[in-house]
């Protein structure tokens, strides 16, 4: 996932209704690398499998600057953004022991207005992130997250962050999920067993689709390995996957027995019976996209 990939994506996915400032990240490769590194550690961003989707989410970030002493997050406020530290440092402050004891006794936050009631627990530096509960709350409950725990995040000295608004993240998330659901459904109907089950149990279609995921892969990435027991079957949406089997000699290379394509896309069906895979499948095209389907989907009558 490179700077050129993002520039290409923006060029081929214009959106005139959006402020061009939101695309300012494509002019800064260091910032892009910072975001890719930070979001790779984020649970919410780990759920975004498609490379193009990841890049589209990067375009939602904008830059903000803060001065020493500015409070970004504190108890009682609404957490509405996810932040990635681009430059500078931010202190995570927690109440000193006496203040915490007073809070437990009097249930009041008034004593926290005094800076002397706080102590620094840790410091966040470049490429670290905070505010992820804002995204989780937006996606999972469609609500804003109100901070109830007594803590603060304060700017240590003039600093800069990349941030994304939770509401904009949710809007893009919904678009992504709708597109993924369509891709997954189109692939699942190619598996006769799943197609028949969903036709007779349409009320369970959404639940089954949510258990699957779409993954982008690059050349020479191995999807399944011969003689290994797996827990997924696969449908190839784009690209090619070469099929290998052991040749029975000491030769380190394997014998090619065929190719999977979007016209012949299903493999890994051995997992349905809990048996080892009978072949290895390695991506042989520049890019590929597959749907990963759990073999043990609960098909209740």
Protein backbone atom coordinates (compact mmCIF):
# COMPACT_ATOMS: atom_id res chain seq x y z
CA UNK A 1 0.00 0.00 0.00
CA UNK A 2 2.04 2.93 -1.23
CA UNK A 3 1.75 6.66 -1.77
CA UNK A 4 1.30 6.08 -5.50
CA UNK A 5 -1.58 3.69 -4.78
CA UNK A 6 -3.40 6.40 -2.86
CA UNK A 7 -2.79 9.03 -5.53
CA UNK A 8 -4.10 6.61 -8.16
CA UNK A 9 -7.16 5.86 -6.07
CA UNK A 10 -8.05 9.53 -5.60
CA UNK A 11 -7.52 10.26 -9.28
CA UNK A 12 -9.91 7.50 -10.29
CA UNK A 13 -12.48 8.10 -7.55
CA UNK A 14 -13.24 11.82 -7.66
CA UNK A 15 -15.94 13.28 -5.43
CA UNK A 16 -16.63 16.90 -6.28
CA UNK A 17 -18.91 17.36 -3.28
CA UNK A 18 -15.99 16.98 -0.88
CA UNK A 19 -13.60 19.77 0.05
CA UNK A 20 -10.27 19.23 -1.68
CA UNK A 21 -8.54 19.93 1.65
CA UNK A 22 -9.64 16.49 2.77
CA UNK A 23 -7.32 15.04 0.17
CA UNK A 24 -4.31 17.00 1.38
CA UNK A 25 -2.80 13.78 2.73
CA UNK A 26 -1.95 12.63 -0.80
CA UNK A 27 0.62 15.41 -0.97
CA UNK A 28 2.49 14.06 2.06
CA UNK A 29 3.88 10.55 1.83
CA UNK A 30 5.26 10.70 5.38
CA UNK A 31 1.78 11.49 6.69
CA UNK A 32 0.30 8.60 4.76
CA UNK A 33 2.89 6.21 6.16
CA UNK A 34 2.19 7.53 9.64
CA UNK A 35 -1.53 6.88 9.24
CA UNK A 36 -1.07 3.43 7.75
CA UNK A 37 1.21 2.44 10.62
CA UNK A 38 -1.05 3.84 13.33
CA UNK A 39 -4.28 2.46 11.92
CA UNK A 40 -2.71 -0.98 11.49
CA UNK A 41 -2.75 -1.15 15.30
CA UNK A 42 -6.37 0.00 15.53
CA UNK A 43 -9.03 -2.66 16.03
CA UNK A 44 -11.59 -0.77 13.95
CA UNK A 45 -9.22 -0.27 11.01
CA UNK A 46 -8.13 -3.92 11.19
CA UNK A 47 -11.69 -4.79 10.18
CA UNK A 48 -11.15 -3.00 6.87
CA UNK A 49 -9.66 -5.70 4.66
CA UNK A 50 -9.83 -4.19 1.19
CA UNK A 51 -6.85 -2.09 0.13
CA UNK A 52 -9.03 0.39 -1.76
CA UNK A 53 -11.32 0.74 1.25
CA UNK A 54 -8.33 1.43 3.50
CA UNK A 55 -7.14 4.13 1.14
CA UNK A 56 -10.59 5.69 0.96
CA UNK A 57 -10.69 5.91 4.76
CA UNK A 58 -7.28 7.59 4.78
CA UNK A 59 -8.80 10.39 2.69
CA UNK A 60 -11.20 11.24 5.53
CA UNK A 61 -8.37 12.38 7.79
CA UNK A 62 -7.57 16.05 8.15
CA UNK A 63 -4.87 17.83 10.08
CA UNK A 64 -5.28 19.85 13.27
CA UNK A 65 -2.74 21.72 15.40
CA UNK A 66 -2.73 22.21 19.17
CA UNK A 67 -0.78 24.40 21.56
CA UNK A 68 0.72 23.51 24.91
CA UNK A 69 -1.97 22.93 27.51
CA UNK A 70 -4.84 22.33 25.07
CA UNK A 71 -7.21 19.58 26.25
CA UNK A 72 -8.35 17.24 23.47
CA UNK A 73 -10.24 14.68 25.53
CA UNK A 74 -11.61 14.84 29.08
CA UNK A 75 -14.32 13.38 31.29
CA UNK A 76 -17.84 14.61 30.60
CA UNK A 77 -17.07 15.60 26.99
CA UNK A 78 -18.27 13.92 23.83
CA UNK A 79 -15.56 11.88 22.13
CA UNK A 80 -16.18 12.52 18.45
CA UNK A 81 -12.81 11.99 16.75
CA UNK A 82 -10.06 9.43 16.26
CA UNK A 83 -6.57 10.94 16.47
CA UNK A 84 -3.14 9.94 15.16
CA UNK A 85 -0.15 11.88 16.48
CA UNK A 86 1.80 13.29 13.56
CA UNK A 87 4.24 15.49 15.46
CA UNK A 88 4.63 16.38 19.12
CA UNK A 89 3.39 14.73 22.30
CA UNK A 90 0.20 14.37 24.33
CA UNK A 91 -0.01 13.52 28.02
CA UNK A 92 -2.58 11.08 29.33
CA UNK A 93 -3.55 12.45 32.74
CA UNK A 94 -5.30 10.59 35.54
CA UNK A 95 -6.45 11.90 38.94
CA UNK A 96 -4.01 11.80 41.79
CA UNK A 97 -4.93 9.32 44.48
CA UNK A 98 -6.45 11.90 46.85
CA UNK A 99 -8.60 13.37 44.08
CA UNK A 100 -9.83 9.95 43.02
CA UNK A 101 -10.77 9.12 46.61
CA UNK A 102 -12.67 12.40 46.91
CA UNK A 103 -14.50 11.67 43.67
CA UNK A 104 -15.57 8.25 44.94
CA UNK A 105 -16.86 9.89 48.11
CA UNK A 106 -18.54 13.01 46.73
CA UNK A 107 -19.25 11.98 43.11
CA UNK A 108 -18.20 15.36 41.80
CA UNK A 109 -15.78 16.39 39.09
CA UNK A 110 -15.30 19.90 40.46
CA UNK A 111 -12.04 18.99 42.17
CA UNK A 112 -10.58 18.04 38.76
CA UNK A 113 -10.71 21.62 37.53
CA UNK A 114 -7.49 22.22 39.42
CA UNK A 115 -4.44 21.06 37.44
CA UNK A 116 -2.79 19.97 40.68
CA UNK A 117 -5.35 17.15 40.95
CA UNK A 118 -3.84 15.40 37.91
CA UNK A 119 -0.78 13.27 37.32
CA UNK A 120 0.70 12.00 34.04
CA UNK A 121 0.13 8.30 33.44
CA UNK A 122 1.81 8.06 30.02
CA UNK A 123 2.74 10.14 26.96
CA UNK A 124 1.64 9.56 23.37
CA UNK A 125 4.19 10.31 20.66
CA UNK A 126 4.38 10.18 16.85
CA UNK A 127 2.44 7.38 15.11
CA UNK A 128 0.43 6.58 18.25
CA UNK A 129 -3.34 6.93 18.25
CA UNK A 130 -6.20 7.61 20.65
CA UNK A 131 -9.96 8.15 20.54
CA UNK A 132 -10.85 4.79 19.01
CA UNK A 133 -13.99 4.40 21.21
CA UNK A 134 -15.51 7.25 19.17
CA UNK A 135 -15.41 5.04 16.05
CA UNK A 136 -16.56 1.92 17.88
CA UNK A 137 -19.53 3.70 19.43
CA UNK A 138 -20.54 5.26 16.10
CA UNK A 139 -20.41 1.96 14.21
CA UNK A 140 -21.80 -0.40 16.87
CA UNK A 141 -24.47 1.73 18.54
CA UNK A 142 -24.91 4.70 16.18
CA UNK A 143 -24.36 7.01 19.15
CA UNK A 144 -21.73 9.43 20.36
CA UNK A 145 -19.44 8.35 23.15
CA UNK A 146 -19.60 10.44 26.32
CA UNK A 147 -16.45 10.06 28.41
CA UNK A 148 -17.34 8.99 31.95
CA UNK A 149 -13.94 7.87 33.22
CA UNK A 150 -11.87 10.59 34.94
CA UNK A 151 -8.94 11.23 32.60
CA UNK A 152 -7.61 13.86 30.22
CA UNK A 153 -5.43 13.99 27.15
CA UNK A 154 -3.45 17.22 27.09
CA UNK A 155 -1.03 18.67 24.55
CA UNK A 156 2.51 18.80 25.98
CA UNK A 157 3.87 21.39 23.54
CA UNK A 158 2.89 22.68 20.08
CA UNK A 159 1.84 19.51 18.26
CA UNK A 160 0.04 18.27 15.18
CA UNK A 161 -2.39 15.39 14.65
CA UNK A 162 -4.29 13.71 11.87
CA UNK A 163 -7.89 13.07 12.88
CA UNK A 164 -11.15 11.75 11.48
CA UNK A 165 -14.65 12.62 12.61
CA UNK A 166 -16.64 9.61 13.82
CA UNK A 167 -19.74 10.59 11.84
CA UNK A 168 -17.80 10.76 8.58
CA UNK A 169 -16.13 7.46 9.43
CA UNK A 170 -19.58 5.91 9.98
CA UNK A 171 -20.89 7.20 6.64
CA UNK A 172 -17.93 5.68 4.78
CA UNK A 173 -18.20 2.51 6.88
CA UNK A 174 -21.84 2.01 5.85
CA UNK A 175 -20.99 2.45 2.17
CA UNK A 176 -18.14 -0.05 2.51
CA UNK A 177 -20.32 -2.60 4.32
CA UNK A 178 -23.05 -2.38 1.70
CA UNK A 179 -20.54 -2.94 -1.11
CA UNK A 180 -18.91 -5.82 0.77
CA UNK A 181 -22.28 -7.46 1.42
CA UNK A 182 -23.06 -7.41 -2.29
CA UNK A 183 -19.68 -8.94 -3.16
CA UNK A 184 -19.99 -11.61 -0.51
CA UNK A 185 -23.53 -12.53 -1.47
CA UNK A 186 -22.61 -12.82 -5.17
CA UNK A 187 -19.78 -15.18 -4.23
CA UNK A 188 -21.76 -17.29 -1.78
CA UNK A 189 -24.46 -18.14 -4.29
CA UNK A 190 -21.70 -19.86 -6.30
CA UNK A 191 -21.39 -22.42 -3.48
CA UNK A 192 -24.35 -24.76 -4.05
CA UNK A 193 -24.80 -25.68 -0.39
CA UNK A 194 -24.85 -22.05 0.76
CA UNK A 195 -27.00 -20.93 -2.14
CA UNK A 196 -29.65 -23.54 -1.35
CA UNK A 197 -29.59 -22.74 2.36
CA UNK A 198 -29.93 -18.97 1.88
CA UNK A 199 -32.76 -19.49 -0.60
CA UNK A 200 -34.71 -21.47 1.99
CA UNK A 201 -33.68 -19.29 4.97
CA UNK A 202 -33.56 -15.70 3.67
CA UNK A 203 -33.88 -14.37 7.23
CA UNK A 204 -30.39 -15.72 8.03
CA UNK A 205 -28.64 -14.29 4.98
CA UNK A 206 -27.44 -11.14 6.73
CA UNK A 207 -26.09 -13.10 9.69
CA UNK A 208 -24.13 -15.46 7.42
CA UNK A 209 -22.71 -12.62 5.31
CA UNK A 210 -21.42 -10.87 8.44
CA UNK A 211 -19.32 -13.95 9.25
CA UNK A 212 -17.46 -13.65 5.94
CA UNK A 213 -14.83 -11.17 4.80
CA UNK A 214 -13.29 -9.87 1.59
CA UNK A 215 -9.48 -9.82 1.38
CA UNK A 216 -7.10 -8.22 -1.12
CA UNK A 217 -3.96 -10.22 -1.88
CA UNK A 218 -0.75 -9.68 -3.80
CA UNK A 219 1.43 -11.96 -5.94
CA UNK A 220 2.87 -15.15 -4.40
CA UNK A 221 0.67 -14.97 -1.31
CA UNK A 222 -0.33 -18.47 -0.23
CA UNK A 223 -4.01 -18.93 0.62
CA UNK A 224 -4.12 -22.62 1.51
CA UNK A 225 -1.37 -25.22 1.90
CA UNK A 226 -1.56 -28.87 0.99
CA UNK A 227 -1.97 -31.33 3.91
CA UNK A 228 -2.87 -28.52 6.33
CA UNK A 229 -6.32 -28.56 7.92
CA UNK A 230 -8.11 -25.23 7.62
CA UNK A 231 -11.38 -23.72 8.74
CA UNK A 232 -12.34 -21.70 5.66
CA UNK A 233 -13.37 -22.11 2.06
CA UNK A 234 -12.70 -19.45 -0.56
CA UNK A 235 -14.24 -17.81 -3.61
CA UNK A 236 -11.91 -15.95 -5.98
CA UNK A 237 -13.47 -12.69 -7.18
CA UNK A 238 -10.53 -11.19 -9.09
CA UNK A 239 -7.11 -12.40 -10.23
CA UNK A 240 -5.67 -15.90 -10.54
CA UNK A 241 -4.58 -18.57 -8.10
CA UNK A 242 -2.19 -21.35 -9.18
CA UNK A 243 -2.87 -24.85 -7.84
CA UNK A 244 0.12 -26.92 -6.67
CA UNK A 245 0.57 -30.43 -5.33
CA UNK A 246 3.69 -32.14 -4.01
CA UNK A 247 5.51 -34.02 -6.77
CA UNK A 248 6.66 -36.89 -4.55
CA UNK A 249 10.37 -36.13 -4.94
CA UNK A 250 12.94 -34.18 -3.01
CA UNK A 251 12.58 -31.37 -5.52
CA UNK A 252 11.57 -28.25 -3.59
CA UNK A 253 9.21 -27.18 -6.36
CA UNK A 254 5.67 -28.51 -6.66
CA UNK A 255 3.76 -29.67 -9.68
CA UNK A 256 1.20 -27.24 -11.13
CA UNK A 257 -2.19 -28.88 -11.67
CA UNK A 258 -4.32 -25.93 -12.72
CA UNK A 259 -5.49 -22.41 -12.03
CA UNK A 260 -8.41 -20.86 -10.19
CA UNK A 261 -10.08 -17.90 -11.89
CA UNK A 262 -13.33 -15.94 -11.37
CA UNK A 263 -14.91 -18.46 -13.76
CA UNK A 264 -13.66 -21.38 -11.65
CA UNK A 265 -13.48 -19.66 -8.27
CA UNK A 266 -14.25 -22.10 -5.42
CA UNK A 267 -11.60 -23.96 -3.42
CA UNK A 268 -10.92 -25.15 0.10
CA UNK A 269 -14.12 -27.22 0.28
CA UNK A 270 -12.22 -29.91 2.21
CA UNK A 271 -12.70 -27.70 5.28
CA UNK A 272 -16.42 -28.50 5.21
CA UNK A 273 -15.59 -32.06 6.25
CA UNK A 274 -12.72 -31.08 8.55
CA UNK A 275 -10.21 -32.72 6.20
CA UNK A 276 -6.74 -31.44 5.19
CA UNK A 277 -6.50 -29.42 1.99
CA UNK A 278 -5.54 -31.57 -0.99
CA UNK A 279 -3.61 -28.80 -2.76
CA UNK A 280 -1.79 -25.53 -2.24
CA UNK A 281 -3.13 -22.33 -3.81
CA UNK A 282 -0.84 -19.36 -4.42
CA UNK A 283 -1.82 -16.03 -6.02
CA UNK A 284 -0.22 -15.79 -9.45
CA UNK A 285 -1.63 -12.45 -10.61
CA UNK A 286 -0.51 -8.93 -9.69
CA UNK A 287 -3.58 -8.47 -7.50
CA UNK A 288 -6.38 -10.70 -6.36
CA UNK A 289 -9.51 -10.46 -4.26
CA UNK A 290 -11.08 -13.38 -2.43
CA UNK A 291 -14.05 -13.98 -0.16
CA UNK A 292 -13.20 -15.95 2.97
CA UNK A 293 -16.14 -18.07 4.16
CA UNK A 294 -16.07 -19.94 7.50
CA UNK A 295 -16.57 -23.65 6.91
CA UNK A 296 -18.56 -24.13 10.09
CA UNK A 297 -21.34 -21.59 9.66
CA UNK A 298 -24.18 -22.52 11.97
CA UNK A 299 -27.04 -23.51 9.65
CA UNK A 300 -29.97 -23.83 11.97
CA UNK A 301 -33.21 -25.14 10.65
